[in-house]
Amino acid sequence: MPFVNIKITREGATAEQKAELIRGVTELLRDVLGKNPATTVVVIDEVDTDNWGIGGETVTVRRKQGR
């Protein structure tokens, strides 16, 4: 039973986009590894940009600086 955890920043991914990610990852595991879609679990965690850091800065700060 594959378990996939996708972490993205909370910046407005729509329900449709998240459903497409779940569908696409499930299909990829089926096609590449032969995993059963019925037992594939995909979880999407949305993280506030204040709680996500890159290069010693929060994503919030980086976005404000245009990076």
PDB file of N, CA and C in Angstrom:
ATOM      1  N   MET A   1       0.849  -1.178   0.000  1.00  0.00           N
ATOM      2  CA  MET A   1       0.000   0.000   0.000  1.00  0.00           C
ATOM      3  C   MET A   1       0.894   1.241   0.000  1.00  0.00           C
ATOM      4  N   PRO A   2       1.010   1.921  -1.124  1.00  0.00           N
ATOM      5  CA  PRO A   2       1.806   3.153  -1.170  1.00  0.00           C
ATOM      6  C   PRO A   2       1.132   4.270  -0.377  1.00  0.00           C
ATOM      7  N   PHE A   3       1.960   5.065   0.268  1.00  0.00           N
ATOM      8  CA  PHE A   3       1.497   6.260   0.970  1.00  0.00           C
ATOM      9  C   PHE A   3       2.349   7.417   0.477  1.00  0.00           C
ATOM     10  N   VAL A   4       1.711   8.431  -0.116  1.00  0.00           N
ATOM     11  CA  VAL A   4       2.408   9.595  -0.655  1.00  0.00           C
ATOM     12  C   VAL A   4       1.932  10.822   0.104  1.00  0.00           C
ATOM     13  N   ASN A   5       2.879  11.619   0.584  1.00  0.00           N
ATOM     14  CA  ASN A   5       2.548  12.845   1.294  1.00  0.00           C
ATOM     15  C   ASN A   5       3.107  14.008   0.492  1.00  0.00           C
ATOM     16  N   ILE A   6       2.232  14.837  -0.037  1.00  0.00           N
ATOM     17  CA  ILE A   6       2.606  16.020  -0.808  1.00  0.00           C
ATOM     18  C   ILE A   6       2.478  17.230   0.102  1.00  0.00           C
ATOM     19  N   LYS A   7       3.525  18.016   0.194  1.00  0.00           N
ATOM     20  CA  LYS A   7       3.482  19.238   0.996  1.00  0.00           C
ATOM     21  C   LYS A   7       3.605  20.426   0.051  1.00  0.00           C
ATOM     22  N   ILE A   8       2.649  21.338   0.167  1.00  0.00           N
ATOM     23  CA  ILE A   8       2.660  22.554  -0.639  1.00  0.00           C
ATOM     24  C   ILE A   8       2.387  23.740   0.278  1.00  0.00           C
ATOM     25  N   THR A   9       2.807  24.922  -0.167  1.00  0.00           N
ATOM     26  CA  THR A   9       2.468  26.107   0.606  1.00  0.00           C
ATOM     27  C   THR A   9       0.999  26.433   0.390  1.00  0.00           C
ATOM     28  N   ARG A  10       0.391  27.000   1.404  1.00  0.00           N
ATOM     29  CA  ARG A  10      -1.027  27.353   1.353  1.00  0.00           C
ATOM     30  C   ARG A  10      -1.154  28.674   0.616  1.00  0.00           C
ATOM     31  N   GLU A  11      -1.269  28.588  -0.688  1.00  0.00           N
ATOM     32  CA  GLU A  11      -1.340  29.794  -1.515  1.00  0.00           C
ATOM     33  C   GLU A  11      -2.421  29.688  -2.579  1.00  0.00           C
ATOM     34  N   GLY A  12      -3.471  28.992  -2.261  1.00  0.00           N
ATOM     35  CA  GLY A  12      -4.618  29.022  -3.143  1.00  0.00           C
ATOM     36  C   GLY A  12      -4.755  27.891  -4.132  1.00  0.00           C
ATOM     37  N   ALA A  13      -4.156  26.728  -3.866  1.00  0.00           N
ATOM     38  CA  ALA A  13      -4.427  25.576  -4.727  1.00  0.00           C
ATOM     39  C   ALA A  13      -5.915  25.261  -4.607  1.00  0.00           C
ATOM     40  N   THR A  14      -6.563  25.112  -5.734  1.00  0.00           N
ATOM     41  CA  THR A  14      -7.998  24.846  -5.722  1.00  0.00           C
ATOM     42  C   THR A  14      -8.275  23.383  -5.414  1.00  0.00           C
ATOM     43  N   ALA A  15      -9.509  23.105  -5.047  1.00  0.00           N
ATOM     44  CA  ALA A  15      -9.924  21.720  -4.806  1.00  0.00           C
ATOM     45  C   ALA A  15      -9.714  20.886  -6.065  1.00  0.00           C
ATOM     46  N   GLU A  16      -9.964  21.484  -7.225  1.00  0.00           N
ATOM     47  CA  GLU A  16      -9.784  20.772  -8.487  1.00  0.00           C
ATOM     48  C   GLU A  16      -8.314  20.441  -8.732  1.00  0.00           C
ATOM     49  N   GLN A  17      -7.423  21.380  -8.440  1.00  0.00           N
ATOM     50  CA  GLN A  17      -5.991  21.141  -8.613  1.00  0.00           C
ATOM     51  C   GLN A  17      -5.503  20.040  -7.675  1.00  0.00           C
ATOM     52  N   LYS A  18      -5.975  20.057  -6.444  1.00  0.00           N
ATOM     53  CA  LYS A  18      -5.574  19.027  -5.491  1.00  0.00           C
ATOM     54  C   LYS A  18      -6.108  17.662  -5.918  1.00  0.00           C
ATOM     55  N   ALA A  19      -7.328  17.616  -6.412  1.00  0.00           N
ATOM     56  CA  ALA A  19      -7.881  16.357  -6.913  1.00  0.00           C
ATOM     57  C   ALA A  19      -7.061  15.838  -8.091  1.00  0.00           C
ATOM     58  N   GLU A  20      -6.607  16.743  -8.950  1.00  0.00           N
ATOM     59  CA  GLU A  20      -5.774  16.344 -10.087  1.00  0.00           C
ATOM     60  C   GLU A  20      -4.425  15.793  -9.619  1.00  0.00           C
ATOM     61  N   LEU A  21      -3.839  16.408  -8.593  1.00  0.00           N
ATOM     62  CA  LEU A  21      -2.595  15.879  -8.028  1.00  0.00           C
ATOM     63  C   LEU A  21      -2.802  14.462  -7.489  1.00  0.00           C
ATOM     64  N   ILE A  22      -3.862  14.266  -6.739  1.00  0.00           N
ATOM     65  CA  ILE A  22      -4.149  12.945  -6.169  1.00  0.00           C
ATOM     66  C   ILE A  22      -4.344  11.919  -7.277  1.00  0.00           C
ATOM     67  N   ARG A  23      -5.109  12.272  -8.271  1.00  0.00           N
ATOM     68  CA  ARG A  23      -5.366  11.376  -9.396  1.00  0.00           C
ATOM     69  C   ARG A  23      -4.071  11.064 -10.153  1.00  0.00           C
ATOM     70  N   GLY A  24      -3.290  12.119 -10.424  1.00  0.00           N
ATOM     71  CA  GLY A  24      -2.066  11.946 -11.201  1.00  0.00           C
ATOM     72  C   GLY A  24      -1.019  11.105 -10.490  1.00  0.00           C
ATOM     73  N   VAL A  25      -0.837  11.327  -9.193  1.00  0.00           N
ATOM     74  CA  VAL A  25       0.138  10.541  -8.427  1.00  0.00           C
ATOM     75  C   VAL A  25      -0.307   9.079  -8.359  1.00  0.00           C
ATOM     76  N   THR A  26      -1.586   8.862  -8.170  1.00  0.00           N
ATOM     77  CA  THR A  26      -2.119   7.503  -8.123  1.00  0.00           C
ATOM     78  C   THR A  26      -1.874   6.792  -9.455  1.00  0.00           C
ATOM     79  N   GLU A  27      -2.143   7.478 -10.564  1.00  0.00           N
ATOM     80  CA  GLU A  27      -1.920   6.891 -11.885  1.00  0.00           C
ATOM     81  C   GLU A  27      -0.436   6.630 -12.139  1.00  0.00           C
ATOM     82  N   LEU A  28       0.429   7.539 -11.695  1.00  0.00           N
ATOM     83  CA  LEU A  28       1.868   7.372 -11.872  1.00  0.00           C
ATOM     84  C   LEU A  28       2.372   6.123 -11.150  1.00  0.00           C
ATOM     85  N   LEU A  29       1.934   5.927  -9.918  1.00  0.00           N
ATOM     86  CA  LEU A  29       2.337   4.743  -9.173  1.00  0.00           C
ATOM     87  C   LEU A  29       1.813   3.468  -9.830  1.00  0.00           C
ATOM     88  N   ARG A  30       0.630   3.527 -10.370  1.00  0.00           N
ATOM     89  CA  ARG A  30       0.082   2.379 -11.098  1.00  0.00           C
ATOM     90  C   ARG A  30       0.911   2.083 -12.339  1.00  0.00           C
ATOM     91  N   ASP A  31       1.192   3.134 -13.132  1.00  0.00           N
ATOM     92  CA  ASP A  31       1.870   2.950 -14.411  1.00  0.00           C
ATOM     93  C   ASP A  31       3.340   2.579 -14.265  1.00  0.00           C
ATOM     94  N   VAL A  32       4.041   3.183 -13.313  1.00  0.00           N
ATOM     95  CA  VAL A  32       5.485   2.974 -13.178  1.00  0.00           C
ATOM     96  C   VAL A  32       5.812   1.763 -12.304  1.00  0.00           C
ATOM     97  N   LEU A  33       5.091   1.619 -11.189  1.00  0.00           N
ATOM     98  CA  LEU A  33       5.432   0.562 -10.235  1.00  0.00           C
ATOM     99  C   LEU A  33       4.407  -0.566 -10.168  1.00  0.00           C
ATOM    100  N   GLY A  34       3.314  -0.433 -10.923  1.00  0.00           N
ATOM    101  CA  GLY A  34       2.291  -1.469 -10.916  1.00  0.00           C
ATOM    102  C   GLY A  34       1.493  -1.531  -9.624  1.00  0.00           C
ATOM    103  N   LYS A  35       1.408  -0.413  -8.909  1.00  0.00           N
ATOM    104  CA  LYS A  35       0.683  -0.378  -7.637  1.00  0.00           C
ATOM    105  C   LYS A  35      -0.820  -0.290  -7.873  1.00  0.00           C
ATOM    106  N   ASN A  36      -1.559  -0.894  -6.974  1.00  0.00           N
ATOM    107  CA  ASN A  36      -3.006  -0.917  -7.061  1.00  0.00           C
ATOM    108  C   ASN A  36      -3.579   0.437  -6.635  1.00  0.00           C
ATOM    109  N   PRO A  37      -4.282   1.128  -7.533  1.00  0.00           N
ATOM    110  CA  PRO A  37      -4.867   2.422  -7.166  1.00  0.00           C
ATOM    111  C   PRO A  37      -5.830   2.341  -5.977  1.00  0.00           C
ATOM    112  N   ALA A  38      -6.470   1.207  -5.799  1.00  0.00           N
ATOM    113  CA  ALA A  38      -7.445   1.065  -4.710  1.00  0.00           C
ATOM    114  C   ALA A  38      -6.785   1.091  -3.335  1.00  0.00           C
ATOM    115  N   THR A  39      -5.472   0.827  -3.288  1.00  0.00           N
ATOM    116  CA  THR A  39      -4.785   0.826  -1.998  1.00  0.00           C
ATOM    117  C   THR A  39      -3.736   1.930  -1.897  1.00  0.00           C
ATOM    118  N   THR A  40      -3.751   2.847  -2.842  1.00  0.00           N
ATOM    119  CA  THR A  40      -2.803   3.968  -2.836  1.00  0.00           C
ATOM    120  C   THR A  40      -3.402   5.134  -2.056  1.00  0.00           C
ATOM    121  N   VAL A  41      -2.647   5.631  -1.084  1.00  0.00           N
ATOM    122  CA  VAL A  41      -3.092   6.743  -0.244  1.00  0.00           C
ATOM    123  C   VAL A  41      -2.264   7.972  -0.597  1.00  0.00           C
ATOM    124  N   VAL A  42      -2.934   9.090  -0.862  1.00  0.00           N
ATOM    125  CA  VAL A  42      -2.257  10.359  -1.149  1.00  0.00           C
ATOM    126  C   VAL A  42      -2.814  11.400  -0.186  1.00  0.00           C
ATOM    127  N   VAL A  43      -1.902  12.068   0.531  1.00  0.00           N
ATOM    128  CA  VAL A  43      -2.284  13.117   1.477  1.00  0.00           C
ATOM    129  C   VAL A  43      -1.609  14.411   1.039  1.00  0.00           C
ATOM    130  N   ILE A  44      -2.356  15.492   1.015  1.00  0.00           N
ATOM    131  CA  ILE A  44      -1.798  16.807   0.702  1.00  0.00           C
ATOM    132  C   ILE A  44      -1.843  17.650   1.970  1.00  0.00           C
ATOM    133  N   ASP A  45      -0.668  18.089   2.408  1.00  0.00           N
ATOM    134  CA  ASP A  45      -0.567  19.001   3.545  1.00  0.00           C
ATOM    135  C   ASP A  45      -0.291  20.392   3.002  1.00  0.00           C
ATOM    136  N   GLU A  46      -1.096  21.355   3.421  1.00  0.00           N
ATOM    137  CA  GLU A  46      -0.871  22.744   3.041  1.00  0.00           C
ATOM    138  C   GLU A  46      -0.252  23.468   4.230  1.00  0.00           C
ATOM    139  N   VAL A  47       0.895  24.079   3.995  1.00  0.00           N
ATOM    140  CA  VAL A  47       1.675  24.712   5.051  1.00  0.00           C
ATOM    141  C   VAL A  47       1.656  26.229   4.855  1.00  0.00           C
ATOM    142  N   ASP A  48       1.391  26.970   5.925  1.00  0.00           N
ATOM    143  CA  ASP A  48       1.460  28.427   5.840  1.00  0.00           C
ATOM    144  C   ASP A  48       2.870  28.851   5.440  1.00  0.00           C
ATOM    145  N   THR A  49       2.976  29.900   4.645  1.00  0.00           N
ATOM    146  CA  THR A  49       4.286  30.338   4.170  1.00  0.00           C
ATOM    147  C   THR A  49       5.181  30.821   5.303  1.00  0.00           C
ATOM    148  N   ASP A  50       4.597  31.210   6.442  1.00  0.00           N
ATOM    149  CA  ASP A  50       5.399  31.570   7.617  1.00  0.00           C
ATOM    150  C   ASP A  50       6.067  30.338   8.234  1.00  0.00           C
ATOM    151  N   ASN A  51       5.564  29.156   7.920  1.00  0.00           N
ATOM    152  CA  ASN A  51       6.068  27.909   8.496  1.00  0.00           C
ATOM    153  C   ASN A  51       6.922  27.114   7.509  1.00  0.00           C
ATOM    154  N   TRP A  52       7.325  27.728   6.415  1.00  0.00           N
ATOM    155  CA  TRP A  52       8.112  27.057   5.390  1.00  0.00           C
ATOM    156  C   TRP A  52       9.325  27.927   5.112  1.00  0.00           C
ATOM    157  N   GLY A  53      10.505  27.393   5.310  1.00  0.00           N
ATOM    158  CA  GLY A  53      11.717  28.184   5.127  1.00  0.00           C
ATOM    159  C   GLY A  53      12.610  27.647   4.025  1.00  0.00           C
ATOM    160  N   ILE A  54      13.260  28.564   3.327  1.00  0.00           N
ATOM    161  CA  ILE A  54      14.233  28.235   2.289  1.00  0.00           C
ATOM    162  C   ILE A  54      15.420  29.160   2.487  1.00  0.00           C
ATOM    163  N   GLY A  55      16.608  28.614   2.555  1.00  0.00           N
ATOM    164  CA  GLY A  55      17.804  29.440   2.682  1.00  0.00           C
ATOM    165  C   GLY A  55      17.815  30.348   3.894  1.00  0.00           C
ATOM    166  N   GLY A  56      17.204  29.908   4.988  1.00  0.00           N
ATOM    167  CA  GLY A  56      17.211  30.685   6.217  1.00  0.00           C
ATOM    168  C   GLY A  56      16.142  31.756   6.311  1.00  0.00           C
ATOM    169  N   GLU A  57      15.231  31.795   5.343  1.00  0.00           N
ATOM    170  CA  GLU A  57      14.142  32.781   5.356  1.00  0.00           C
ATOM    171  C   GLU A  57      12.809  32.071   5.162  1.00  0.00           C
ATOM    172  N   THR A  58      11.754  32.673   5.691  1.00  0.00           N
ATOM    173  CA  THR A  58      10.431  32.113   5.440  1.00  0.00           C
ATOM    174  C   THR A  58      10.032  32.402   3.997  1.00  0.00           C
ATOM    175  N   VAL A  59       9.147  31.589   3.496  1.00  0.00           N
ATOM    176  CA  VAL A  59       8.629  31.819   2.150  1.00  0.00           C
ATOM    177  C   VAL A  59       7.886  33.149   2.089  1.00  0.00           C
ATOM    178  N   THR A  60       7.237  33.530   3.186  1.00  0.00           N
ATOM    179  CA  THR A  60       6.542  34.822   3.229  1.00  0.00           C
ATOM    180  C   THR A  60       7.491  35.951   2.906  1.00  0.00           C
ATOM    181  N   VAL A  61       8.643  35.956   3.568  1.00  0.00           N
ATOM    182  CA  VAL A  61       9.646  37.014   3.343  1.00  0.00           C
ATOM    183  C   VAL A  61      10.154  36.944   1.903  1.00  0.00           C
ATOM    184  N   ARG A  62      10.450  35.749   1.433  1.00  0.00           N
ATOM    185  CA  ARG A  62      10.974  35.594   0.066  1.00  0.00           C
ATOM    186  C   ARG A  62       9.978  36.103  -0.981  1.00  0.00           C
ATOM    187  N   ARG A  63       8.691  35.810  -0.756  1.00  0.00           N
ATOM    188  CA  ARG A  63       7.666  36.259  -1.702  1.00  0.00           C
ATOM    189  C   ARG A  63       7.612  37.802  -1.721  1.00  0.00           C
ATOM    190  N   LYS A  64       7.698  38.431  -0.548  1.00  0.00           N
ATOM    191  CA  LYS A  64       7.666  39.883  -0.472  1.00  0.00           C
ATOM    192  C   LYS A  64       8.859  40.512  -1.182  1.00  0.00           C
ATOM    193  N   GLN A  65       9.980  39.795  -1.197  1.00  0.00           N
ATOM    194  CA  GLN A  65      11.186  40.281  -1.863  1.00  0.00           C
ATOM    195  C   GLN A  65      11.210  39.905  -3.346  1.00  0.00           C
ATOM    196  N   GLY A  66      10.157  39.223  -3.803  1.00  0.00           N
ATOM    197  CA  GLY A  66      10.080  38.866  -5.218  1.00  0.00           C
ATOM    198  C   GLY A  66      10.896  37.653  -5.597  1.00  0.00           C
ATOM    199  N   ARG A  67      11.216  36.839  -4.606  1.00  0.00           N
ATOM    200  CA  ARG A  67      11.992  35.635  -4.907  1.00  0.00           C
ATOM    201  C   ARG A  67      11.177  34.382  -4.749  1.00  0.00           C
TER     202      ARG A  67
END
